[in-house]
Protein backbone atom coordinates (compact mmCIF):
# COMPACT_ATOMS: atom_id res chain seq x y z
CA MET A 1 -18.99 -1.82 26.85
CA SER A 2 -20.32 1.52 28.07
CA THR A 3 -20.66 3.67 24.95
CA GLY A 4 -22.34 7.09 24.72
CA ARG A 5 -23.01 8.78 21.33
CA SER A 6 -20.43 11.43 21.44
CA ARG A 7 -19.61 12.69 17.97
CA GLY A 8 -16.13 14.25 19.22
CA ARG A 9 -14.94 17.56 17.90
CA ALA A 10 -14.49 17.56 14.20
CA VAL A 11 -10.79 17.75 12.99
CA THR A 12 -11.01 20.52 10.69
CA ARG A 13 -8.70 23.52 9.57
CA ALA A 14 -10.35 25.71 12.18
CA LEU A 15 -9.56 23.16 14.88
CA LEU A 16 -6.01 22.56 13.70
CA HIS A 17 -5.33 26.26 13.75
CA ARG A 18 -6.04 26.04 17.56
CA MET A 19 -3.54 23.10 17.62
CA PRO A 20 -0.70 24.56 15.70
CA LEU A 21 2.41 22.49 15.11
CA PRO A 22 5.79 23.71 16.44
CA ARG A 23 6.86 26.55 14.55
CA LEU A 24 9.61 26.31 11.92
CA HIS A 25 12.49 29.07 11.94
CA GLY A 26 14.91 30.04 9.33
CA ASP A 27 17.99 28.67 11.37
CA ASP A 28 16.42 25.37 11.92
CA ASP A 29 18.51 22.40 10.90
CA LYS A 30 17.83 18.58 10.76
CA GLU A 31 18.82 17.94 14.45
CA SER A 32 16.24 20.56 15.70
CA ARG A 33 13.43 18.95 13.47
CA GLY A 34 14.11 15.60 15.26
CA ARG A 35 15.11 12.11 14.69
CA VAL A 36 12.88 9.30 13.93
CA LEU A 37 13.63 5.67 14.35
CA VAL A 38 11.23 3.04 12.63
CA VAL A 39 11.33 -0.47 13.53
CA GLY A 40 9.75 -3.16 11.51
CA GLY A 41 9.54 -4.65 8.20
CA SER A 42 10.08 -8.31 7.33
CA ALA A 43 11.42 -10.26 4.38
CA LEU A 44 8.04 -10.50 2.65
CA VAL A 45 6.81 -6.87 3.78
CA PRO A 46 10.20 -4.70 3.52
CA GLY A 47 8.37 -1.73 1.58
CA ALA A 48 6.17 -1.01 4.68
CA LEU A 49 9.31 0.58 6.47
CA LEU A 50 10.08 2.70 3.15
CA LEU A 51 6.53 4.12 3.26
CA ALA A 52 6.69 4.88 6.91
CA GLY A 53 10.16 6.40 6.99
CA VAL A 54 9.68 8.51 3.89
CA ALA A 55 6.36 9.79 5.29
CA ALA A 56 8.28 10.97 8.57
CA LEU A 57 10.66 12.96 6.31
CA ARG A 58 7.80 14.32 4.33
CA ALA A 59 6.25 15.33 7.52
CA GLY A 60 9.42 17.47 8.31
CA ALA A 61 11.32 15.12 10.63
CA GLY A 62 15.11 15.99 10.16
CA LYS A 63 16.82 12.64 10.31
CA LEU A 64 15.72 9.21 9.79
CA GLN A 65 16.80 5.89 10.99
CA LEU A 66 15.24 2.40 9.83
CA ALA A 67 15.88 -0.92 11.50
CA THR A 68 14.65 -3.99 9.61
CA VAL A 69 15.62 -7.59 8.86
CA ARG A 70 19.17 -8.19 7.68
CA SER A 71 18.04 -9.68 4.28
CA ALA A 72 16.08 -6.14 3.31
CA ALA A 73 18.48 -3.77 4.76
CA THR A 74 20.63 -3.25 2.00
CA GLY A 75 17.85 -2.91 -0.58
CA LEU A 76 16.16 -0.55 1.65
CA ALA A 77 19.32 1.64 2.23
CA LEU A 78 19.34 2.01 -1.34
CA ALA A 79 15.71 2.83 -1.79
CA VAL A 80 15.99 5.49 0.97
CA PRO A 81 19.52 6.97 0.68
CA GLU A 82 18.42 9.81 3.20
CA ALA A 83 18.12 7.08 6.12
CA LEU A 84 20.54 5.16 8.25
CA VAL A 85 19.53 1.65 7.87
CA ALA A 86 20.44 -0.91 10.75
CA PRO A 87 20.15 -4.61 9.87
CA LEU A 88 18.72 -6.68 12.53
CA PRO A 89 18.93 -10.46 13.16
CA GLN A 90 16.20 -12.34 11.35
CA ALA A 91 14.29 -15.49 12.27
CA ARG A 92 13.53 -18.37 10.00
CA ASN A 93 10.18 -17.17 9.15
CA GLY A 94 11.55 -13.92 7.66
CA GLU A 95 10.58 -11.79 10.74
CA ILE A 96 12.69 -9.65 13.12
CA ALA A 97 14.29 -12.01 15.67
CA GLY A 98 12.91 -10.21 18.67
CA THR A 99 15.45 -11.19 21.39
CA ARG A 100 18.45 -11.01 19.33
CA ALA A 101 17.46 -7.70 17.68
CA THR A 102 17.15 -5.73 20.93
CA ALA A 103 20.80 -5.71 21.37
CA ALA A 104 21.30 -3.90 17.98
CA LEU A 105 18.54 -1.37 18.73
CA ARG A 106 19.49 -0.18 22.20
CA LYS A 107 22.18 2.39 20.76
CA TYR A 108 19.55 3.89 18.41
CA VAL A 109 16.47 4.17 20.77
CA GLY A 110 17.62 6.72 23.42
CA ASP A 111 18.44 9.20 20.70
CA ALA A 112 15.22 9.12 18.87
CA ASP A 113 12.73 11.84 19.22
CA ALA A 114 9.98 9.64 17.91
CA LEU A 115 10.18 5.84 17.79
CA LEU A 116 7.65 3.88 15.43
CA ILE A 117 7.39 0.22 15.91
CA GLY A 118 5.25 -2.16 13.81
CA PRO A 119 4.87 -1.29 10.18
CA GLY A 120 5.42 -4.43 8.14
CA MET A 121 5.57 -6.81 11.06
CA GLY A 122 3.89 -10.13 11.13
CA VAL A 123 1.66 -10.73 14.28
CA GLY A 124 3.70 -12.82 16.70
CA PRO A 125 5.95 -12.64 19.87
CA ALA A 126 8.68 -10.41 18.17
CA ALA A 127 6.82 -7.26 18.68
CA GLY A 128 5.99 -7.95 22.19
CA VAL A 129 9.56 -8.59 22.89
CA LEU A 130 10.65 -5.43 21.24
CA LEU A 131 8.27 -3.45 23.34
CA ALA A 132 9.28 -4.99 26.54
CA VAL A 133 12.99 -4.00 25.96
CA LEU A 134 12.82 -0.69 24.13
CA VAL A 135 9.83 1.15 25.83
CA PRO A 136 11.86 1.69 29.18
CA ARG A 137 14.71 3.30 26.76
CA VAL A 138 12.51 5.79 25.04
CA GLY A 139 13.84 9.18 25.82
CA ASP A 140 12.20 11.51 28.49
CA GLN A 141 10.84 13.76 25.81
CA ALA A 142 10.23 11.13 23.07
CA THR A 143 6.97 9.76 21.83
CA LEU A 144 6.24 6.31 20.79
CA VAL A 145 3.89 5.34 17.80
CA LEU A 146 2.71 1.70 17.58
CA ASP A 147 1.19 0.53 14.29
CA GLY A 148 -0.01 -2.94 13.03
CA ALA A 149 1.69 -5.62 15.08
CA GLY A 150 3.19 -3.07 17.43
CA ALA A 151 -0.24 -1.70 18.42
CA ILE A 152 -1.67 -5.45 18.83
CA ALA A 153 1.37 -6.42 21.00
CA ILE A 154 0.53 -4.02 23.61
CA GLY A 155 -2.65 -5.93 24.21
CA ASP A 156 -0.64 -8.47 26.24
CA HIS A 157 1.19 -5.64 28.17
CA PRO A 158 -1.47 -3.42 29.06
CA ASP A 159 0.86 -1.42 31.42
CA ALA A 160 3.84 -1.26 29.27
CA LEU A 161 3.14 2.25 28.19
CA ALA A 162 2.49 3.75 31.65
CA PRO A 163 5.86 5.03 32.21
CA LEU A 164 5.85 7.18 29.27
CA GLY A 165 3.01 9.39 30.73
CA GLY A 166 0.89 9.60 27.68
CA ARG A 167 3.71 10.00 25.18
CA ALA A 168 2.42 7.27 23.08
CA VAL A 169 0.01 6.98 19.92
CA LEU A 170 -1.50 3.75 18.71
CA THR A 171 -2.85 3.88 15.07
CA PRO A 172 -4.91 0.58 14.79
CA HIS A 173 -7.64 -0.20 12.19
CA ALA A 174 -10.88 -1.88 13.35
CA GLY A 175 -9.48 -5.53 12.94
CA GLU A 176 -6.31 -4.57 14.83
CA MET A 177 -8.26 -2.85 17.58
CA ALA A 178 -10.40 -5.95 17.91
CA SER A 179 -7.21 -8.15 18.56
CA LEU A 180 -5.78 -5.42 20.81
CA LEU A 181 -8.85 -5.51 23.13
CA GLY A 182 -9.90 -9.12 22.57
CA ILE A 183 -13.32 -8.41 21.16
CA ASP A 184 -15.25 -8.87 17.97
CA LYS A 185 -14.35 -6.49 15.05
CA GLY A 186 -18.14 -6.08 14.61
CA ASP A 187 -18.10 -4.57 18.14
CA VAL A 188 -15.54 -2.14 17.10
CA GLU A 189 -17.24 -1.08 14.04
CA ALA A 190 -20.68 -0.77 15.89
CA GLU A 191 -19.05 1.71 18.50
CA PRO A 192 -15.89 3.17 17.31
CA ALA A 193 -15.78 6.22 19.39
CA ALA A 194 -16.51 4.32 22.61
CA THR A 195 -13.94 1.79 21.63
CA ALA A 196 -11.22 4.35 20.97
CA ARG A 197 -11.83 5.88 24.28
CA LEU A 198 -11.84 2.63 26.19
CA ALA A 199 -8.42 1.83 24.30
CA ALA A 200 -6.81 5.32 25.36
CA GLU A 201 -7.70 4.95 28.90
CA ARG A 202 -6.66 1.31 29.27
CA PHE A 203 -3.24 1.74 27.57
CA THR A 204 -2.39 5.47 28.52
CA ALA A 205 -2.02 6.54 24.97
CA VAL A 206 -3.56 8.64 22.21
CA VAL A 207 -5.46 6.28 20.10
CA ALA A 208 -6.24 6.83 16.42
CA LEU A 209 -8.72 4.31 15.27
CA LYS A 210 -8.63 4.41 11.42
CA GLY A 211 -11.89 4.03 9.48
CA PRO A 212 -14.44 5.60 7.28
CA THR A 213 -14.50 8.07 10.23
CA SER A 214 -11.51 8.25 12.06
CA TRP A 215 -11.58 8.58 15.93
CA ILE A 216 -8.78 10.08 18.05
CA ALA A 217 -8.96 9.65 21.70
CA HIS A 218 -6.86 10.82 24.50
CA PRO A 219 -6.56 9.26 27.94
CA ASP A 220 -8.17 12.39 29.44
CA GLY A 221 -11.45 11.61 27.43
CA THR A 222 -10.81 14.22 24.75
CA LEU A 223 -12.41 12.84 21.59
CA LEU A 224 -11.80 13.94 18.10
CA SER A 225 -13.32 12.66 14.71
CA TYR A 226 -12.21 13.04 11.25
CA HIS A 227 -14.84 12.46 8.34
CA GLY A 228 -12.91 13.55 5.33
CA GLY A 229 -11.15 10.45 4.36
CA SER A 230 -11.54 8.90 0.93
CA VAL A 231 -12.29 5.41 0.02
CA GLY A 232 -9.15 5.30 -1.95
CA LEU A 233 -7.11 5.17 1.15
CA GLY A 234 -8.19 1.63 1.72
CA THR A 235 -5.11 0.41 -0.14
CA SER A 236 -1.98 -1.45 0.67
CA GLY A 237 0.52 0.69 2.63
CA SER A 238 -1.82 3.59 3.46
CA GLY A 239 -1.70 2.89 7.24
CA ASP A 240 2.19 2.65 7.13
CA THR A 241 2.02 6.21 5.73
CA LEU A 242 -0.16 7.49 8.37
CA ALA A 243 1.95 6.22 10.99
CA GLY A 244 4.98 7.71 9.57
CA ILE A 245 3.37 11.02 9.29
CA VAL A 246 2.47 10.92 12.84
CA ALA A 247 5.81 9.80 13.91
CA GLY A 248 7.49 12.79 11.90
CA LEU A 249 5.21 15.43 13.32
CA ALA A 250 5.85 14.00 16.90
CA ALA A 251 9.73 14.32 16.20
CA ARG A 252 9.17 17.95 15.37
CA GLY A 253 7.94 18.37 18.75
CA ALA A 254 4.10 17.87 18.41
CA ASP A 255 2.32 16.67 21.38
CA PRO A 256 0.76 13.09 20.83
CA ILE A 257 -2.88 14.13 20.25
CA THR A 258 -1.71 17.04 18.07
CA ALA A 259 0.58 14.85 16.19
CA ALA A 260 -2.29 12.27 15.56
CA ALA A 261 -4.84 14.93 14.71
CA TRP A 262 -2.47 16.53 12.11
CA GLY A 263 -1.53 13.32 10.74
CA VAL A 264 -4.97 11.96 10.30
CA TRP A 265 -5.97 15.18 8.69
CA ALA A 266 -3.06 15.30 6.34
CA HIS A 267 -3.33 11.69 5.30
CA GLY A 268 -7.24 12.17 4.71
CA THR A 269 -6.52 15.43 2.64
CA ALA A 270 -3.78 13.82 0.66
CA GLY A 271 -6.32 11.10 -0.25
CA ARG A 272 -8.85 13.60 -1.18
CA ASN A 273 -6.46 15.57 -3.36
CA LEU A 274 -5.28 12.37 -5.32
CA ALA A 275 -8.95 11.39 -5.63
CA ARG A 276 -9.75 14.65 -7.41
CA ARG A 277 -6.83 14.52 -9.65
CA MET A 278 -6.95 10.76 -10.55
CA ALA A 279 -9.94 8.72 -9.46
CA THR A 280 -11.76 7.63 -6.67
CA VAL A 281 -9.69 4.49 -6.24
CA GLY A 282 -6.38 3.26 -7.82
CA PHE A 283 -3.93 5.63 -6.33
CA LEU A 284 -1.02 4.07 -4.39
CA ALA A 285 0.08 4.66 -0.73
CA ARG A 286 3.30 5.96 -2.21
CA GLU A 287 1.60 8.61 -4.05
CA LEU A 288 0.36 10.12 -0.79
CA LEU A 289 4.00 10.98 0.23
CA ALA A 290 4.25 13.83 -2.14
CA GLU A 291 1.19 15.40 -0.91
CA VAL A 292 2.32 15.60 2.71
CA PRO A 293 4.65 18.67 2.69
CA ALA A 294 2.24 21.08 1.36
CA LEU A 295 -0.06 20.21 4.19
CA VAL A 296 2.22 20.10 7.15
CA GLY A 297 5.55 21.67 6.00
CA ARG A 298 4.85 25.33 6.14
CA GLY A 299 5.92 27.18 9.34
């Protein structure tokens, strides 16, 4: 892998000031702030969808739709009364039945301003099946966000995102990035900036590689770095929350790299805020959610 030692531009308040989020207006309603569709979850990990979906709303998205396995749908609808919850066919292993689920999802995808696929899904064929059917149906102005199993699945379909023209964001951690590219995790950790750039170019997507320093790469070679994370962010569900923030910002109209940069910054700042008030570790991913509006919700 060709590397280079670029540090990238640091994601700071000053940089974000030059990458503003779409302005909010007094007459904006929920339609004007966009619709997010989150597809994922499983019988064992239904809460990932709750975290991602609520994070999208906390980031300012106007409408939320969640699609998950049938056995979890009712509980999720009660836990997130703000969302439409679509039950999907379920395989014997508790995962979304990919082929059968696509028919139920088609009527929602075209209306979504941001589509997030992957939170709470196990690694397997279902995510790839969903991508193959749903990506061609993503709206002309919509953004696709892939997290977890969704991001890994694109490794088997390297050209799948090309029709989106860069309107995609991948949010893998080092292990997921290794699976995505078919390399060792140690190689990712040794050269995260170069790895993020490689993935961005290969998959024609903005890549937010999560880690102690998070690297955000654009297919055009632009590289950003965020050094403000907290060790406490290394907790179950934290990545689902980040992916939801990015999707929510994209639904509001932020372009992919702006949504990724603001999302990584807001996620990291929320963690630092909790670390100051509580402890370095021990806060929960769900506690990040209430921190988000003050960081990205003013216009």
